[in-house]
Amino acid sequence: VSWTIGTSPTTELTNTMLKKAVARFGNEERRIIHSDRGSYYRWSEWIE
């Protein structure tokens, strides 16, 4: 439902993708976000 692309993984890249995905859906939907175990997906801002 969203993606970002860059030459190297960054927190900004992952957070931008997540914010775009959140903006596309209504709050009434059950939403699941899948990620691997990379550090960017365990970062405090991502979790928040």
ModelCIF file with pLDDT and N, C-alpha, C, O atoms, coordinates in Angstrom:
data_MODEL
#
_entry.id   MODEL 
#
_entity.id                         1 
_entity.type                       polymer 
_entity.pdbx_number_of_molecules   1 
#
_entity_poly.entity_id                      1 
_entity_poly.type                           'polypeptide(L)' 
_entity_poly.nstd_linkage                   no 
_entity_poly.nstd_monomer                   no 
_entity_poly.pdbx_seq_one_letter_code       VSWTIGTSPTTELTNTMLKKAVARFGNEERRIIHSDRGSYYRWSEWIE 
_entity_poly.pdbx_seq_one_letter_code_can   VSWTIGTSPTTELTNTMLKKAVARFGNEERRIIHSDRGSYYRWSEWIE 
_entity_poly.pdbx_strand_id                 A 
#
loop_
_entity_poly_seq.entity_id 
_entity_poly_seq.num 
_entity_poly_seq.mon_id 
_entity_poly_seq.hetero 
1 1  VAL n 
1 2  SER n 
1 3  TRP n 
1 4  THR n 
1 5  ILE n 
1 6  GLY n 
1 7  THR n 
1 8  SER n 
1 9  PRO n 
1 10 THR n 
1 11 THR n 
1 12 GLU n 
1 13 LEU n 
1 14 THR n 
1 15 ASN n 
1 16 THR n 
1 17 MET n 
1 18 LEU n 
1 19 LYS n 
1 20 LYS n 
1 21 ALA n 
1 22 VAL n 
1 23 ALA n 
1 24 ARG n 
1 25 PHE n 
1 26 GLY n 
1 27 ASN n 
1 28 GLU n 
1 29 GLU n 
1 30 ARG n 
1 31 ARG n 
1 32 ILE n 
1 33 ILE n 
1 34 HIS n 
1 35 SER n 
1 36 ASP n 
1 37 ARG n 
1 38 GLY n 
1 39 SER n 
1 40 TYR n 
1 41 TYR n 
1 42 ARG n 
1 43 TRP n 
1 44 SER n 
1 45 GLU n 
1 46 TRP n 
1 47 ILE n 
1 48 GLU n 
#
_struct_asym.id          A 
_struct_asym.entity_id   1 
#
loop_
_ma_qa_metric.id 
_ma_qa_metric.mode 
_ma_qa_metric.name 
_ma_qa_metric.software_group_id 
_ma_qa_metric.type 
1 global pLDDT . pLDDT 
2 local  pLDDT . pLDDT 
#
_ma_qa_metric_global.metric_id      1 
_ma_qa_metric_global.metric_value   80.79 
_ma_qa_metric_global.model_id       1 
_ma_qa_metric_global.ordinal_id     1 
#
loop_
_ma_qa_metric_local.label_asym_id 
_ma_qa_metric_local.label_comp_id 
_ma_qa_metric_local.label_seq_id 
_ma_qa_metric_local.metric_id 
_ma_qa_metric_local.metric_value 
_ma_qa_metric_local.model_id 
_ma_qa_metric_local.ordinal_id 
A VAL 1  2 81.00 1 1  
A SER 2  2 84.00 1 2  
A TRP 3  2 85.00 1 3  
A THR 4  2 86.00 1 4  
A ILE 5  2 86.00 1 5  
A GLY 6  2 85.00 1 6  
A THR 7  2 85.00 1 7  
A SER 8  2 85.00 1 8  
A PRO 9  2 82.00 1 9  
A THR 10 2 87.00 1 10 
A THR 11 2 87.00 1 11 
A GLU 12 2 90.00 1 12 
A LEU 13 2 89.00 1 13 
A THR 14 2 86.00 1 14 
A ASN 15 2 89.00 1 15 
A THR 16 2 91.00 1 16 
A MET 17 2 88.00 1 17 
A LEU 18 2 89.00 1 18 
A LYS 19 2 91.00 1 19 
A LYS 20 2 89.00 1 20 
A ALA 21 2 86.00 1 21 
A VAL 22 2 86.00 1 22 
A ALA 23 2 85.00 1 23 
A ARG 24 2 81.00 1 24 
A PHE 25 2 75.00 1 25 
A GLY 26 2 66.00 1 26 
A ASN 27 2 66.00 1 27 
A GLU 28 2 64.00 1 28 
A GLU 29 2 66.00 1 29 
A ARG 30 2 69.00 1 30 
A ARG 31 2 77.00 1 31 
A ILE 32 2 78.00 1 32 
A ILE 33 2 80.00 1 33 
A HIS 34 2 75.00 1 34 
A SER 35 2 74.00 1 35 
A ASP 36 2 68.00 1 36 
A ARG 37 2 67.00 1 37 
A GLY 38 2 69.00 1 38 
A SER 39 2 70.00 1 39 
A TYR 40 2 68.00 1 40 
A TYR 41 2 74.00 1 41 
A ARG 42 2 76.00 1 42 
A TRP 43 2 82.00 1 43 
A SER 44 2 87.00 1 44 
A GLU 45 2 89.00 1 45 
A TRP 46 2 86.00 1 46 
A ILE 47 2 87.00 1 47 
A GLU 48 2 92.00 1 48 
#
loop_
_atom_site.group_PDB 
_atom_site.id 
_atom_site.type_symbol 
_atom_site.label_atom_id 
_atom_site.label_alt_id 
_atom_site.label_comp_id 
_atom_site.label_asym_id 
_atom_site.label_entity_id 
_atom_site.label_seq_id 
_atom_site.pdbx_PDB_ins_code 
_atom_site.Cartn_x 
_atom_site.Cartn_y 
_atom_site.Cartn_z 
_atom_site.occupancy 
_atom_site.B_iso_or_equiv 
_atom_site.pdbx_formal_charge 
_atom_site.auth_seq_id 
_atom_site.auth_comp_id 
_atom_site.auth_asym_id 
_atom_site.auth_atom_id 
_atom_site.pdbx_PDB_model_num 
ATOM 1   N N  . VAL A 1 1  ? 0.818   -1.214 0.000  1.00 81.00 ? 1  VAL A N  1 
ATOM 2   C CA . VAL A 1 1  ? 0.000   0.000  0.000  1.00 81.00 ? 1  VAL A CA 1 
ATOM 3   C C  . VAL A 1 1  ? 0.848   1.259  0.000  1.00 81.00 ? 1  VAL A C  1 
ATOM 4   O O  . VAL A 1 1  ? 0.340   2.346  -0.273 1.00 81.00 ? 1  VAL A O  1 
ATOM 5   N N  . SER A 1 2  ? 2.127   1.129  0.300  1.00 84.00 ? 2  SER A N  1 
ATOM 6   C CA . SER A 1 2  ? 3.052   2.254  0.176  1.00 84.00 ? 2  SER A CA 1 
ATOM 7   C C  . SER A 1 2  ? 4.471   1.709  0.133  1.00 84.00 ? 2  SER A C  1 
ATOM 8   O O  . SER A 1 2  ? 4.730   0.578  0.544  1.00 84.00 ? 2  SER A O  1 
ATOM 9   N N  . TRP A 1 3  ? 5.359   2.507  -0.358 1.00 85.00 ? 3  TRP A N  1 
ATOM 10  C CA . TRP A 1 3  ? 6.760   2.122  -0.418 1.00 85.00 ? 3  TRP A CA 1 
ATOM 11  C C  . TRP A 1 3  ? 7.601   3.365  -0.598 1.00 85.00 ? 3  TRP A C  1 
ATOM 12  O O  . TRP A 1 3  ? 7.132   4.406  -1.058 1.00 85.00 ? 3  TRP A O  1 
ATOM 13  N N  . THR A 1 4  ? 8.844   3.226  -0.227 1.00 86.00 ? 4  THR A N  1 
ATOM 14  C CA . THR A 1 4  ? 9.848   4.253  -0.478 1.00 86.00 ? 4  THR A CA 1 
ATOM 15  C C  . THR A 1 4  ? 11.060  3.534  -1.028 1.00 86.00 ? 4  THR A C  1 
ATOM 16  O O  . THR A 1 4  ? 11.224  2.328  -0.842 1.00 86.00 ? 4  THR A O  1 
ATOM 17  N N  . ILE A 1 5  ? 11.889  4.274  -1.694 1.00 86.00 ? 5  ILE A N  1 
ATOM 18  C CA . ILE A 1 5  ? 13.076  3.672  -2.290 1.00 86.00 ? 5  ILE A CA 1 
ATOM 19  C C  . ILE A 1 5  ? 14.239  4.636  -2.137 1.00 86.00 ? 5  ILE A C  1 
ATOM 20  O O  . ILE A 1 5  ? 14.070  5.850  -2.254 1.00 86.00 ? 5  ILE A O  1 
ATOM 21  N N  . GLY A 1 6  ? 15.400  4.101  -1.881 1.00 85.00 ? 6  GLY A N  1 
ATOM 22  C CA . GLY A 1 6  ? 16.600  4.914  -1.743 1.00 85.00 ? 6  GLY A CA 1 
ATOM 23  C C  . GLY A 1 6  ? 17.820  4.052  -1.973 1.00 85.00 ? 6  GLY A C  1 
ATOM 24  O O  . GLY A 1 6  ? 17.705  2.853  -2.228 1.00 85.00 ? 6  GLY A O  1 
ATOM 25  N N  . THR A 1 7  ? 18.980  4.659  -1.885 1.00 85.00 ? 7  THR A N  1 
ATOM 26  C CA . THR A 1 7  ? 20.220  3.921  -2.135 1.00 85.00 ? 7  THR A CA 1 
ATOM 27  C C  . THR A 1 7  ? 20.737  3.204  -0.895 1.00 85.00 ? 7  THR A C  1 
ATOM 28  O O  . THR A 1 7  ? 21.617  2.351  -1.000 1.00 85.00 ? 7  THR A O  1 
ATOM 29  N N  . SER A 1 8  ? 20.201  3.539  0.280  1.00 85.00 ? 8  SER A N  1 
ATOM 30  C CA . SER A 1 8  ? 20.560  2.826  1.504  1.00 85.00 ? 8  SER A CA 1 
ATOM 31  C C  . SER A 1 8  ? 19.407  2.947  2.490  1.00 85.00 ? 8  SER A C  1 
ATOM 32  O O  . SER A 1 8  ? 18.661  3.926  2.457  1.00 85.00 ? 8  SER A O  1 
ATOM 33  N N  . PRO A 1 9  ? 19.257  1.957  3.367  1.00 82.00 ? 9  PRO A N  1 
ATOM 34  C CA . PRO A 1 9  ? 18.154  2.013  4.328  1.00 82.00 ? 9  PRO A CA 1 
ATOM 35  C C  . PRO A 1 9  ? 18.400  3.096  5.378  1.00 82.00 ? 9  PRO A C  1 
ATOM 36  O O  . PRO A 1 9  ? 19.505  3.229  5.904  1.00 82.00 ? 9  PRO A O  1 
ATOM 37  N N  . THR A 1 10 ? 17.361  3.857  5.668  1.00 87.00 ? 10 THR A N  1 
ATOM 38  C CA . THR A 1 10 ? 17.446  4.897  6.696  1.00 87.00 ? 10 THR A CA 1 
ATOM 39  C C  . THR A 1 10 ? 16.148  4.922  7.489  1.00 87.00 ? 10 THR A C  1 
ATOM 40  O O  . THR A 1 10 ? 15.121  4.412  7.039  1.00 87.00 ? 10 THR A O  1 
ATOM 41  N N  . THR A 1 11 ? 16.204  5.514  8.667  1.00 87.00 ? 11 THR A N  1 
ATOM 42  C CA . THR A 1 11 ? 15.006  5.685  9.472  1.00 87.00 ? 11 THR A CA 1 
ATOM 43  C C  . THR A 1 11 ? 13.994  6.543  8.733  1.00 87.00 ? 11 THR A C  1 
ATOM 44  O O  . THR A 1 11 ? 12.799  6.250  8.758  1.00 87.00 ? 11 THR A O  1 
ATOM 45  N N  . GLU A 1 12 ? 14.454  7.595  8.077  1.00 90.00 ? 12 GLU A N  1 
ATOM 46  C CA . GLU A 1 12 ? 13.546  8.470  7.323  1.00 90.00 ? 12 GLU A CA 1 
ATOM 47  C C  . GLU A 1 12 ? 12.804  7.685  6.238  1.00 90.00 ? 12 GLU A C  1 
ATOM 48  O O  . GLU A 1 12 ? 11.605  7.883  6.040  1.00 90.00 ? 12 GLU A O  1 
ATOM 49  N N  . LEU A 1 13 ? 13.498  6.814  5.551  1.00 89.00 ? 13 LEU A N  1 
ATOM 50  C CA . LEU A 1 13 ? 12.894  6.014  4.487  1.00 89.00 ? 13 LEU A CA 1 
ATOM 51  C C  . LEU A 1 13 ? 11.770  5.129  5.040  1.00 89.00 ? 13 LEU A C  1 
ATOM 52  O O  . LEU A 1 13 ? 10.669  5.098  4.492  1.00 89.00 ? 13 LEU A O  1 
ATOM 53  N N  . THR A 1 14 ? 12.058  4.418  6.119  1.00 86.00 ? 14 THR A N  1 
ATOM 54  C CA . THR A 1 14 ? 11.046  3.515  6.678  1.00 86.00 ? 14 THR A CA 1 
ATOM 55  C C  . THR A 1 14 ? 9.892   4.273  7.320  1.00 86.00 ? 14 THR A C  1 
ATOM 56  O O  . THR A 1 14 ? 8.739   3.867  7.180  1.00 86.00 ? 14 THR A O  1 
ATOM 57  N N  . ASN A 1 15 ? 10.177  5.358  8.016  1.00 89.00 ? 15 ASN A N  1 
ATOM 58  C CA . ASN A 1 15 ? 9.109   6.130  8.656  1.00 89.00 ? 15 ASN A CA 1 
ATOM 59  C C  . ASN A 1 15 ? 8.207   6.808  7.618  1.00 89.00 ? 15 ASN A C  1 
ATOM 60  O O  . ASN A 1 15 ? 6.992   6.872  7.805  1.00 89.00 ? 15 ASN A O  1 
ATOM 61  N N  . THR A 1 16 ? 8.785   7.308  6.544  1.00 91.00 ? 16 THR A N  1 
ATOM 62  C CA . THR A 1 16 ? 7.997   7.932  5.478  1.00 91.00 ? 16 THR A CA 1 
ATOM 63  C C  . THR A 1 16 ? 7.047   6.922  4.856  1.00 91.00 ? 16 THR A C  1 
ATOM 64  O O  . THR A 1 16 ? 5.878   7.229  4.619  1.00 91.00 ? 16 THR A O  1 
ATOM 65  N N  . MET A 1 17 ? 7.545   5.713  4.590  1.00 88.00 ? 17 MET A N  1 
ATOM 66  C CA . MET A 1 17 ? 6.708   4.664  4.021  1.00 88.00 ? 17 MET A CA 1 
ATOM 67  C C  . MET A 1 17 ? 5.557   4.316  4.961  1.00 88.00 ? 17 MET A C  1 
ATOM 68  O O  . MET A 1 17 ? 4.416   4.163  4.525  1.00 88.00 ? 17 MET A O  1 
ATOM 69  N N  . LEU A 1 18 ? 5.861   4.194  6.246  1.00 89.00 ? 18 LEU A N  1 
ATOM 70  C CA . LEU A 1 18 ? 4.835   3.841  7.224  1.00 89.00 ? 18 LEU A CA 1 
ATOM 71  C C  . LEU A 1 18 ? 3.773   4.937  7.336  1.00 89.00 ? 18 LEU A C  1 
ATOM 72  O O  . LEU A 1 18 ? 2.580   4.639  7.384  1.00 89.00 ? 18 LEU A O  1 
ATOM 73  N N  . LYS A 1 19 ? 4.189   6.175  7.377  1.00 91.00 ? 19 LYS A N  1 
ATOM 74  C CA . LYS A 1 19 ? 3.232   7.292  7.470  1.00 91.00 ? 19 LYS A CA 1 
ATOM 75  C C  . LYS A 1 19 ? 2.332   7.356  6.234  1.00 91.00 ? 19 LYS A C  1 
ATOM 76  O O  . LYS A 1 19 ? 1.139   7.639  6.350  1.00 91.00 ? 19 LYS A O  1 
ATOM 77  N N  . LYS A 1 20 ? 2.901   7.094  5.052  1.00 89.00 ? 20 LYS A N  1 
ATOM 78  C CA . LYS A 1 20 ? 2.091   7.058  3.828  1.00 89.00 ? 20 LYS A CA 1 
ATOM 79  C C  . LYS A 1 20 ? 1.057   5.936  3.892  1.00 89.00 ? 20 LYS A C  1 
ATOM 80  O O  . LYS A 1 20 ? -0.093  6.124  3.495  1.00 89.00 ? 20 LYS A O  1 
ATOM 81  N N  . ALA A 1 21 ? 1.462   4.784  4.385  1.00 86.00 ? 21 ALA A N  1 
ATOM 82  C CA . ALA A 1 21 ? 0.544   3.641  4.491  1.00 86.00 ? 21 ALA A CA 1 
ATOM 83  C C  . ALA A 1 21 ? -0.593  3.955  5.456  1.00 86.00 ? 21 ALA A C  1 
ATOM 84  O O  . ALA A 1 21 ? -1.754  3.674  5.159  1.00 86.00 ? 21 ALA A O  1 
ATOM 85  N N  . VAL A 1 22 ? -0.274  4.527  6.593  1.00 86.00 ? 22 VAL A N  1 
ATOM 86  C CA . VAL A 1 22 ? -1.284  4.867  7.601  1.00 86.00 ? 22 VAL A CA 1 
ATOM 87  C C  . VAL A 1 22 ? -2.296  5.850  7.027  1.00 86.00 ? 22 VAL A C  1 
ATOM 88  O O  . VAL A 1 22 ? -3.495  5.730  7.279  1.00 86.00 ? 22 VAL A O  1 
ATOM 89  N N  . ALA A 1 23 ? -1.818  6.817  6.258  1.00 85.00 ? 23 ALA A N  1 
ATOM 90  C CA . ALA A 1 23 ? -2.701  7.850  5.699  1.00 85.00 ? 23 ALA A CA 1 
ATOM 91  C C  . ALA A 1 23 ? -3.682  7.292  4.671  1.00 85.00 ? 23 ALA A C  1 
ATOM 92  O O  . ALA A 1 23 ? -4.704  7.924  4.402  1.00 85.00 ? 23 ALA A O  1 
ATOM 93  N N  . ARG A 1 24 ? -3.407  6.149  4.102  1.00 81.00 ? 24 ARG A N  1 
ATOM 94  C CA . ARG A 1 24 ? -4.254  5.590  3.039  1.00 81.00 ? 24 ARG A CA 1 
ATOM 95  C C  . ARG A 1 24 ? -5.451  4.803  3.546  1.00 81.00 ? 24 ARG A C  1 
ATOM 96  O O  . ARG A 1 24 ? -6.362  4.509  2.771  1.00 81.00 ? 24 ARG A O  1 
ATOM 97  N N  . PHE A 1 25 ? -5.473  4.459  4.814  1.00 75.00 ? 25 PHE A N  1 
ATOM 98  C CA . PHE A 1 25 ? -6.543  3.629  5.342  1.00 75.00 ? 25 PHE A CA 1 
ATOM 99  C C  . PHE A 1 25 ? -7.343  4.369  6.391  1.00 75.00 ? 25 PHE A C  1 
ATOM 100 O O  . PHE A 1 25 ? -6.832  5.267  7.060  1.00 75.00 ? 25 PHE A O  1 
ATOM 101 N N  . GLY A 1 26 ? -8.603  3.987  6.532  1.00 66.00 ? 26 GLY A N  1 
ATOM 102 C CA . GLY A 1 26 ? -9.448  4.520  7.593  1.00 66.00 ? 26 GLY A CA 1 
ATOM 103 C C  . GLY A 1 26 ? -9.128  3.843  8.915  1.00 66.00 ? 26 GLY A C  1 
ATOM 104 O O  . GLY A 1 26 ? -8.610  2.727  8.935  1.00 66.00 ? 26 GLY A O  1 
ATOM 105 N N  . ASN A 1 27 ? -9.428  4.498  9.993  1.00 66.00 ? 27 ASN A N  1 
ATOM 106 C CA . ASN A 1 27 ? -9.128  3.955  11.323 1.00 66.00 ? 27 ASN A CA 1 
ATOM 107 C C  . ASN A 1 27 ? -9.978  2.754  11.689 1.00 66.00 ? 27 ASN A C  1 
ATOM 108 O O  . ASN A 1 27 ? -9.614  1.995  12.587 1.00 66.00 ? 27 ASN A O  1 
ATOM 109 N N  . GLU A 1 28 ? -11.103 2.566  11.014 1.00 64.00 ? 28 GLU A N  1 
ATOM 110 C CA . GLU A 1 28 ? -11.992 1.455  11.359 1.00 64.00 ? 28 GLU A CA 1 
ATOM 111 C C  . GLU A 1 28 ? -11.487 0.118  10.827 1.00 64.00 ? 28 GLU A C  1 
ATOM 112 O O  . GLU A 1 28 ? -12.008 -0.929 11.212 1.00 64.00 ? 28 GLU A O  1 
ATOM 113 N N  . GLU A 1 29 ? -10.499 0.130  9.964  1.00 66.00 ? 29 GLU A N  1 
ATOM 114 C CA . GLU A 1 29 ? -9.992  -1.111 9.387  1.00 66.00 ? 29 GLU A CA 1 
ATOM 115 C C  . GLU A 1 29 ? -8.961  -1.759 10.300 1.00 66.00 ? 29 GLU A C  1 
ATOM 116 O O  . GLU A 1 29 ? -8.200  -1.071 10.981 1.00 66.00 ? 29 GLU A O  1 
ATOM 117 N N  . ARG A 1 30 ? -8.945  -3.062 10.308 1.00 69.00 ? 30 ARG A N  1 
ATOM 118 C CA . ARG A 1 30 ? -7.919  -3.812 11.041 1.00 69.00 ? 30 ARG A CA 1 
ATOM 119 C C  . ARG A 1 30 ? -6.678  -3.847 10.157 1.00 69.00 ? 30 ARG A C  1 
ATOM 120 O O  . ARG A 1 30 ? -6.679  -4.445 9.081  1.00 69.00 ? 30 ARG A O  1 
ATOM 121 N N  . ARG A 1 31 ? -5.634  -3.205 10.624 1.00 77.00 ? 31 ARG A N  1 
ATOM 122 C CA . ARG A 1 31 ? -4.434  -3.088 9.798  1.00 77.00 ? 31 ARG A CA 1 
ATOM 123 C C  . ARG A 1 31 ? -3.257  -3.798 10.452 1.00 77.00 ? 31 ARG A C  1 
ATOM 124 O O  . ARG A 1 31 ? -2.981  -3.640 11.641 1.00 77.00 ? 31 ARG A O  1 
ATOM 125 N N  . ILE A 1 32 ? -2.574  -4.588 9.626  1.00 78.00 ? 32 ILE A N  1 
ATOM 126 C CA . ILE A 1 32 ? -1.391  -5.307 10.086 1.00 78.00 ? 32 ILE A CA 1 
ATOM 127 C C  . ILE A 1 32 ? -0.211  -4.830 9.254  1.00 78.00 ? 32 ILE A C  1 
ATOM 128 O O  . ILE A 1 32 ? -0.294  -4.750 8.029  1.00 78.00 ? 32 ILE A O  1 
ATOM 129 N N  . ILE A 1 33 ? 0.879   -4.516 9.923  1.00 80.00 ? 33 ILE A N  1 
ATOM 130 C CA . ILE A 1 33 ? 2.105   -4.098 9.236  1.00 80.00 ? 33 ILE A CA 1 
ATOM 131 C C  . ILE A 1 33 ? 3.141   -5.195 9.443  1.00 80.00 ? 33 ILE A C  1 
ATOM 132 O O  . ILE A 1 33 ? 3.465   -5.558 10.574 1.00 80.00 ? 33 ILE A O  1 
ATOM 133 N N  . HIS A 1 34 ? 3.653   -5.716 8.335  1.00 75.00 ? 34 HIS A N  1 
ATOM 134 C CA . HIS A 1 34 ? 4.672   -6.756 8.434  1.00 75.00 ? 34 HIS A CA 1 
ATOM 135 C C  . HIS A 1 34 ? 6.035   -6.154 8.131  1.00 75.00 ? 34 HIS A C  1 
ATOM 136 O O  . HIS A 1 34 ? 6.183   -5.361 7.202  1.00 75.00 ? 34 HIS A O  1 
ATOM 137 N N  . SER A 1 35 ? 7.013   -6.532 8.911  1.00 74.00 ? 35 SER A N  1 
ATOM 138 C CA . SER A 1 35 ? 8.387   -6.112 8.653  1.00 74.00 ? 35 SER A CA 1 
ATOM 139 C C  . SER A 1 35 ? 9.322   -7.248 9.037  1.00 74.00 ? 35 SER A C  1 
ATOM 140 O O  . SER A 1 35 ? 8.933   -8.199 9.715  1.00 74.00 ? 35 SER A O  1 
ATOM 141 N N  . ASP A 1 36 ? 10.553  -7.125 8.588  1.00 68.00 ? 36 ASP A N  1 
ATOM 142 C CA . ASP A 1 36 ? 11.542  -8.090 9.041  1.00 68.00 ? 36 ASP A CA 1 
ATOM 143 C C  . ASP A 1 36 ? 12.055  -7.616 10.404 1.00 68.00 ? 36 ASP A C  1 
ATOM 144 O O  . ASP A 1 36 ? 11.461  -6.730 11.018 1.00 68.00 ? 36 ASP A O  1 
ATOM 145 N N  . ARG A 1 37 ? 13.130  -8.190 10.863 1.00 67.00 ? 37 ARG A N  1 
ATOM 146 C CA . ARG A 1 37 ? 13.635  -7.869 12.197 1.00 67.00 ? 37 ARG A CA 1 
ATOM 147 C C  . ARG A 1 37 ? 14.694  -6.767 12.158 1.00 67.00 ? 37 ARG A C  1 
ATOM 148 O O  . ARG A 1 37 ? 15.467  -6.616 13.104 1.00 67.00 ? 37 ARG A O  1 
ATOM 149 N N  . GLY A 1 38 ? 14.730  -6.002 11.072 1.00 69.00 ? 38 GLY A N  1 
ATOM 150 C CA . GLY A 1 38 ? 15.717  -4.938 10.940 1.00 69.00 ? 38 GLY A CA 1 
ATOM 151 C C  . GLY A 1 38 ? 15.579  -3.868 12.018 1.00 69.00 ? 38 GLY A C  1 
ATOM 152 O O  . GLY A 1 38 ? 14.496  -3.639 12.557 1.00 69.00 ? 38 GLY A O  1 
ATOM 153 N N  . SER A 1 39 ? 16.693  -3.224 12.316 1.00 70.00 ? 39 SER A N  1 
ATOM 154 C CA . SER A 1 39 ? 16.708  -2.241 13.410 1.00 70.00 ? 39 SER A CA 1 
ATOM 155 C C  . SER A 1 39 ? 15.758  -1.070 13.155 1.00 70.00 ? 39 SER A C  1 
ATOM 156 O O  . SER A 1 39 ? 15.245  -0.490 14.112 1.00 70.00 ? 39 SER A O  1 
ATOM 157 N N  . TYR A 1 40 ? 15.512  -0.711 11.910 1.00 68.00 ? 40 TYR A N  1 
ATOM 158 C CA . TYR A 1 40 ? 14.637  0.424  11.612 1.00 68.00 ? 40 TYR A CA 1 
ATOM 159 C C  . TYR A 1 40 ? 13.198  0.149  12.020 1.00 68.00 ? 40 TYR A C  1 
ATOM 160 O O  . TYR A 1 40 ? 12.435  1.080  12.279 1.00 68.00 ? 40 TYR A O  1 
ATOM 161 N N  . TYR A 1 41 ? 12.825  -1.123 12.077 1.00 74.00 ? 41 TYR A N  1 
ATOM 162 C CA . TYR A 1 41 ? 11.466  -1.500 12.439 1.00 74.00 ? 41 TYR A CA 1 
ATOM 163 C C  . TYR A 1 41 ? 11.319  -1.751 13.932 1.00 74.00 ? 41 TYR A C  1 
ATOM 164 O O  . TYR A 1 41 ? 10.229  -2.067 14.408 1.00 74.00 ? 41 TYR A O  1 
ATOM 165 N N  . ARG A 1 42 ? 12.397  -1.614 14.660 1.00 76.00 ? 42 ARG A N  1 
ATOM 166 C CA . ARG A 1 42 ? 12.360  -1.735 16.118 1.00 76.00 ? 42 ARG A CA 1 
ATOM 167 C C  . ARG A 1 42 ? 12.729  -0.408 16.771 1.00 76.00 ? 42 ARG A C  1 
ATOM 168 O O  . ARG A 1 42 ? 12.828  -0.322 17.995 1.00 76.00 ? 42 ARG A O  1 
ATOM 169 N N  . TRP A 1 43 ? 12.929  0.611  15.968 1.00 82.00 ? 43 TRP A N  1 
ATOM 170 C CA . TRP A 1 43 ? 13.298  1.935  16.437 1.00 82.00 ? 43 TRP A CA 1 
ATOM 171 C C  . TRP A 1 43 ? 12.108  2.576  17.152 1.00 82.00 ? 43 TRP A C  1 
ATOM 172 O O  . TRP A 1 43 ? 10.963  2.333  16.772 1.00 82.00 ? 43 TRP A O  1 
ATOM 173 N N  . SER A 1 44 ? 12.354  3.373  18.157 1.00 87.00 ? 44 SER A N  1 
ATOM 174 C CA . SER A 1 44 ? 11.284  3.938  18.983 1.00 87.00 ? 44 SER A CA 1 
ATOM 175 C C  . SER A 1 44 ? 10.278  4.759  18.176 1.00 87.00 ? 44 SER A C  1 
ATOM 176 O O  . SER A 1 44 ? 9.079   4.688  18.445 1.00 87.00 ? 44 SER A O  1 
ATOM 177 N N  . GLU A 1 45 ? 10.736  5.531  17.202 1.00 89.00 ? 45 GLU A N  1 
ATOM 178 C CA . GLU A 1 45 ? 9.809   6.341  16.405 1.00 89.00 ? 45 GLU A CA 1 
ATOM 179 C C  . GLU A 1 45 ? 8.875   5.456  15.570 1.00 89.00 ? 45 GLU A C  1 
ATOM 180 O O  . GLU A 1 45 ? 7.683   5.747  15.467 1.00 89.00 ? 45 GLU A O  1 
ATOM 181 N N  . TRP A 1 46 ? 9.399   4.387  14.979 1.00 86.00 ? 46 TRP A N  1 
ATOM 182 C CA . TRP A 1 46 ? 8.589   3.439  14.206 1.00 86.00 ? 46 TRP A CA 1 
ATOM 183 C C  . TRP A 1 46 ? 7.510   2.825  15.098 1.00 86.00 ? 46 TRP A C  1 
ATOM 184 O O  . TRP A 1 46 ? 6.338   2.761  14.725 1.00 86.00 ? 46 TRP A O  1 
ATOM 185 N N  . ILE A 1 47 ? 7.925   2.378  16.274 1.00 87.00 ? 47 ILE A N  1 
ATOM 186 C CA . ILE A 1 47 ? 6.981   1.769  17.207 1.00 87.00 ? 47 ILE A CA 1 
ATOM 187 C C  . ILE A 1 47 ? 5.918   2.780  17.633 1.00 87.00 ? 47 ILE A C  1 
ATOM 188 O O  . ILE A 1 47 ? 4.744   2.427  17.741 1.00 87.00 ? 47 ILE A O  1 
ATOM 189 N N  . GLU A 1 48 ? 6.302   4.004  17.871 1.00 92.00 ? 48 GLU A N  1 
ATOM 190 C CA . GLU A 1 48 ? 5.344   5.056  18.260 1.00 92.00 ? 48 GLU A CA 1 
ATOM 191 C C  . GLU A 1 48 ? 4.321   5.314  17.153 1.00 92.00 ? 48 GLU A C  1 
ATOM 192 O O  . GLU A 1 48 ? 3.444   6.163  17.308 1.00 92.00 ? 48 GLU A O  1 
#
